[in-house]
Protein backbone atom coordinates (compact mmCIF):
# COMPACT_ATOMS: atom_id res chain seq x y z
CA MET A 1 68.60 43.17 -27.73
CA ASN A 2 71.55 45.32 -26.83
CA LYS A 3 72.07 47.21 -23.56
CA GLU A 4 70.77 50.52 -24.94
CA GLN A 5 67.58 48.93 -26.27
CA GLU A 6 67.06 47.10 -23.01
CA GLU A 7 67.40 50.33 -21.03
CA LYS A 8 64.84 52.04 -23.30
CA VAL A 9 62.38 49.17 -22.86
CA ILE A 10 62.84 49.19 -19.08
CA LYS A 11 62.32 52.96 -18.99
CA LYS A 12 59.11 52.70 -21.05
CA VAL A 13 57.77 49.87 -18.88
CA LYS A 14 58.46 51.88 -15.70
CA GLU A 15 56.75 54.94 -17.17
CA GLU A 16 53.69 52.89 -18.13
CA MET A 17 53.52 51.23 -14.72
CA THR A 18 53.70 54.65 -13.04
CA ARG A 19 50.94 55.97 -15.30
CA VAL A 20 48.70 52.98 -14.56
CA ARG A 21 49.37 53.24 -10.81
CA ASN A 22 48.55 56.95 -10.78
CA ASN A 23 45.36 56.39 -12.76
CA SER A 24 44.35 53.66 -10.31
CA ILE A 25 44.92 55.97 -7.35
CA VAL A 26 42.77 58.66 -8.96
CA ALA A 27 40.02 56.15 -9.75
CA GLY A 28 40.02 54.92 -6.15
CA MET A 29 39.87 58.45 -4.78
CA LYS A 30 36.97 59.31 -7.09
CA SER A 31 35.10 56.21 -5.96
CA ALA A 32 35.58 57.06 -2.29
CA LEU A 33 34.56 60.66 -2.82
CA SER A 34 31.47 59.54 -4.71
CA VAL A 35 30.44 57.35 -1.78
CA VAL A 36 30.91 60.22 0.67
CA LEU A 37 28.89 62.59 -1.53
CA ASP A 38 26.10 60.03 -1.77
CA MET A 39 26.10 59.82 2.02
CA CYS A 40 25.90 63.62 2.24
CA ASN A 41 22.90 63.68 -0.08
CA LYS A 42 20.87 61.19 1.98
CA ASP A 43 17.70 62.49 3.57
CA ILE A 44 18.82 61.80 7.14
CA SER A 45 20.03 63.95 10.02
CA ASP A 46 23.43 65.59 9.80
CA ASP A 47 24.57 63.66 12.87
CA HIS A 48 23.67 60.36 11.20
CA LYS A 49 25.45 61.44 7.99
CA LEU A 50 28.60 62.26 9.93
CA LYS A 51 28.47 58.92 11.73
CA GLU A 52 28.14 57.03 8.42
CA ILE A 53 31.00 59.01 6.87
CA ARG A 54 33.19 58.43 9.94
CA VAL A 55 32.52 54.65 9.88
CA PHE A 56 33.21 54.50 6.13
CA CYS A 57 36.53 56.34 6.55
CA GLU A 58 37.59 54.27 9.54
CA LYS A 59 36.84 51.03 7.71
CA GLY A 60 38.85 52.23 4.72
CA LEU A 61 41.80 53.22 6.85
CA HIS A 62 41.76 50.20 9.16
CA ASN A 63 41.09 47.33 6.74
CA GLY A 64 37.40 46.98 7.49
CA GLU A 65 37.59 47.53 11.23
CA VAL A 66 35.96 50.42 13.06
CA LYS A 67 38.14 51.57 15.95
């Protein structure tokens, strides 16, 4: 493989990795939003819903720890 071919392959690989990363980010966001919506639709008090959502967000942001 010559230098030009190598550069094209590297460019294509980087583009594919970026596409896969972006798709993964979107999938993760959709999953998190789905969980929050499910919490909102529970038949419990609004205060309890907010507490559950807050705990979920804190755990996600702080590697499983509620601060």
